[in-house]
């Protein structure tokens, strides 16, 4: 459900809602928080994949939902909020940090369930989240987004789920 449909569902009306929440930004954040709680599980509730193939399939299902499904409308708004969070004293900074941190932790938990060491899973998760955002923006703005699907598939196979060497599991990150 789009954020605006969600807002209507909980009986918000734009003019009175802005008055009630004090600003357009606070209204947007409230609606996005409702969406986030409905769409993104807490890390302890994340389904852990049982195999690389299962996680690969989940990645593609999530990609399709974000680029073609009903979630694509919400995601367009979320990406605009993420961009606005970069502004000095942005009202969206805390929401964006919270959301990105949750998504990173959830991805890391899924990768660790596949046996990927924690620090490799965390690094891949952070890079994957940044890449995913960039690919989503490219998908939404490309004249022909089919090549973005191909790039996403290569990203999942050649980076996110790529094998790691035994040296990777014993070498701790530098501090």
Protein backbone atom coordinates (compact mmCIF):
# COMPACT_ATOMS: atom_id res chain seq x y z
CA UNK A 1 0.00 0.00 0.00
CA UNK A 2 1.38 3.42 -0.91
CA UNK A 3 2.14 5.88 1.89
CA UNK A 4 -0.71 8.09 0.78
CA UNK A 5 -3.19 5.21 0.77
CA UNK A 6 -1.87 4.32 4.22
CA UNK A 7 -2.43 7.90 5.35
CA UNK A 8 -6.00 7.79 4.08
CA UNK A 9 -6.58 4.42 5.70
CA UNK A 10 -5.76 5.79 9.14
CA UNK A 11 -8.07 8.75 8.49
CA UNK A 12 -5.52 11.47 7.85
CA UNK A 13 -6.42 14.36 5.65
CA UNK A 14 -3.57 16.43 4.26
CA UNK A 15 -4.56 19.87 5.56
CA UNK A 16 -5.59 18.78 9.04
CA UNK A 17 -2.74 16.27 9.24
CA UNK A 18 -0.08 18.89 8.62
CA UNK A 19 -1.71 21.00 11.31
CA UNK A 20 -1.88 18.02 13.68
CA UNK A 21 1.72 16.89 13.07
CA UNK A 22 3.14 20.40 12.94
CA UNK A 23 4.86 20.08 9.57
CA UNK A 24 4.76 18.29 6.26
CA UNK A 25 8.01 16.50 7.21
CA UNK A 26 6.56 15.11 10.46
CA UNK A 27 3.49 13.86 8.59
CA UNK A 28 5.65 12.17 5.96
CA UNK A 29 7.80 10.57 8.67
CA UNK A 30 4.76 9.25 10.53
CA UNK A 31 3.37 7.65 7.38
CA UNK A 32 6.77 6.21 6.44
CA UNK A 33 7.23 4.81 9.94
CA UNK A 34 3.88 3.04 9.63
CA UNK A 35 4.99 1.65 6.27
CA UNK A 36 8.37 0.57 7.64
CA UNK A 37 6.85 -1.28 10.58
CA UNK A 38 4.53 -3.09 8.18
CA UNK A 39 7.15 -3.94 5.53
CA UNK A 40 10.50 -4.40 7.28
CA UNK A 41 10.79 -6.95 10.08
CA UNK A 42 12.95 -6.37 13.12
CA UNK A 43 16.25 -8.24 12.81
CA UNK A 44 15.28 -10.93 15.32
CA UNK A 45 12.20 -11.67 13.19
CA UNK A 46 14.03 -11.90 9.84
CA UNK A 47 13.58 -15.19 8.04
CA UNK A 48 16.98 -16.81 7.74
CA UNK A 49 17.64 -18.47 4.38
CA UNK A 50 18.48 -22.16 4.37
CA UNK A 51 20.65 -22.04 1.26
CA UNK A 52 22.38 -19.69 -1.15
CA UNK A 53 19.77 -20.60 -3.76
CA UNK A 54 16.93 -19.69 -1.39
CA UNK A 55 18.56 -16.36 -0.53
CA UNK A 56 19.22 -15.65 -4.21
CA UNK A 57 15.54 -16.25 -4.95
CA UNK A 58 14.54 -13.94 -2.06
CA UNK A 59 16.85 -11.22 -3.47
CA UNK A 60 15.11 -11.41 -6.85
CA UNK A 61 11.62 -11.49 -5.32
CA UNK A 62 12.49 -8.40 -3.29
CA UNK A 63 13.94 -6.69 -6.38
CA UNK A 64 10.79 -7.39 -8.38
CA UNK A 65 8.57 -6.15 -5.53
CA UNK A 66 10.60 -2.95 -5.28
CA UNK A 67 10.75 -2.23 -9.00
CA UNK A 68 7.42 -3.50 -10.29
CA UNK A 69 5.10 -4.21 -7.38
CA UNK A 70 3.01 -2.00 -5.17
CA UNK A 71 6.10 -1.33 -3.03
CA UNK A 72 7.65 0.56 -5.94
CA UNK A 73 5.46 3.62 -5.24
CA UNK A 74 6.48 3.66 -1.59
CA UNK A 75 10.12 3.13 -2.47
CA UNK A 76 10.15 6.16 -4.76
CA UNK A 77 9.04 8.32 -1.84
CA UNK A 78 11.48 6.66 0.58
CA UNK A 79 14.38 7.33 -1.79
CA UNK A 80 13.38 10.99 -1.98
CA UNK A 81 13.36 11.12 1.82
CA UNK A 82 16.77 9.41 1.96
CA UNK A 83 18.10 12.06 -0.42
CA UNK A 84 16.56 14.85 1.64
CA UNK A 85 18.21 13.38 4.75
CA UNK A 86 21.58 14.55 3.43
CA UNK A 87 20.62 18.19 3.98
CA UNK A 88 21.95 20.01 7.01
CA UNK A 89 19.62 19.62 9.99
CA UNK A 90 17.28 17.43 7.95
CA UNK A 91 14.10 16.28 9.64
CA UNK A 92 14.64 12.95 7.86
CA UNK A 93 18.15 12.17 9.17
CA UNK A 94 17.14 9.99 12.15
CA UNK A 95 14.51 8.08 10.15
CA UNK A 96 16.97 7.44 7.33
CA UNK A 97 19.74 6.28 9.67
CA UNK A 98 17.32 4.01 11.55
CA UNK A 99 15.96 2.48 8.34
CA UNK A 100 19.37 1.96 6.73
CA UNK A 101 20.74 0.43 9.93
CA UNK A 102 17.80 -1.97 10.19
CA UNK A 103 18.13 -3.01 6.55
CA UNK A 104 21.88 -3.58 7.01
CA UNK A 105 21.34 -5.68 10.16
CA UNK A 106 18.64 -7.73 8.43
CA UNK A 107 20.85 -8.40 5.41
CA UNK A 108 23.77 -9.28 7.67
CA UNK A 109 21.61 -11.74 9.63
CA UNK A 110 20.56 -13.47 6.40
CA UNK A 111 24.15 -13.72 5.16
CA UNK A 112 25.42 -14.98 8.52
CA UNK A 113 22.71 -17.68 8.43
CA UNK A 114 24.40 -18.89 5.23
CA UNK A 115 27.72 -19.23 7.06
CA UNK A 116 29.31 -15.99 5.94
CA UNK A 117 31.49 -14.59 8.76
CA UNK A 118 29.96 -11.61 10.58
CA UNK A 119 32.38 -8.93 9.43
CA UNK A 120 32.21 -10.07 5.79
CA UNK A 121 28.41 -10.23 6.01
CA UNK A 122 28.30 -6.74 7.50
CA UNK A 123 30.59 -5.27 4.82
CA UNK A 124 28.69 -6.95 2.00
CA UNK A 125 25.39 -5.82 3.51
CA UNK A 126 26.44 -2.17 3.68
CA UNK A 127 27.78 -2.21 0.12
CA UNK A 128 24.72 -4.12 -1.09
CA UNK A 129 22.35 -1.58 0.44
CA UNK A 130 24.16 1.31 -1.25
CA UNK A 131 24.25 -0.55 -4.56
CA UNK A 132 20.58 -1.50 -4.25
CA UNK A 133 19.59 2.14 -3.74
CA UNK A 134 21.64 3.20 -6.75
CA UNK A 135 20.21 0.45 -8.92
CA UNK A 136 16.65 1.29 -7.85
CA UNK A 137 17.19 4.96 -8.76
CA UNK A 138 18.67 3.91 -12.09
CA UNK A 139 15.76 1.51 -12.69
CA UNK A 140 13.16 4.22 -12.02
CA UNK A 141 14.92 6.77 -14.24
CA UNK A 142 16.26 4.67 -17.14
CA UNK A 143 14.61 4.85 -20.55
CA UNK A 144 14.94 1.06 -20.76
CA UNK A 145 15.42 -0.43 -17.28
CA UNK A 146 15.88 -4.04 -18.46
CA UNK A 147 19.67 -3.65 -18.37
CA UNK A 148 19.38 -2.71 -14.68
CA UNK A 149 17.75 -6.10 -14.03
CA UNK A 150 20.79 -7.76 -15.61
CA UNK A 151 23.19 -5.66 -13.54
CA UNK A 152 21.27 -6.54 -10.37
CA UNK A 153 21.51 -10.25 -11.18
CA UNK A 154 25.27 -10.01 -11.70
CA UNK A 155 25.62 -8.00 -8.49
CA UNK A 156 23.84 -10.68 -6.46
CA UNK A 157 25.79 -13.56 -8.02
CA UNK A 158 29.23 -11.96 -8.35
CA UNK A 159 29.33 -9.95 -5.12
CA UNK A 160 26.62 -10.49 -2.53
CA UNK A 161 26.56 -14.29 -2.66
CA UNK A 162 30.08 -14.82 -4.00
CA UNK A 163 32.20 -17.38 -2.18
CA UNK A 164 34.72 -16.20 0.36
CA UNK A 165 38.08 -17.81 0.97
CA UNK A 166 39.09 -19.56 4.16
CA UNK A 167 41.57 -16.72 4.70
CA UNK A 168 38.58 -14.39 4.91
CA UNK A 169 37.19 -16.33 7.88
CA UNK A 170 40.34 -16.09 9.98
CA UNK A 171 41.52 -12.59 9.13
CA UNK A 172 39.94 -10.09 11.45
CA UNK A 173 39.27 -6.61 10.14
CA UNK A 174 41.80 -3.93 10.98
CA UNK A 175 40.85 -1.68 13.84
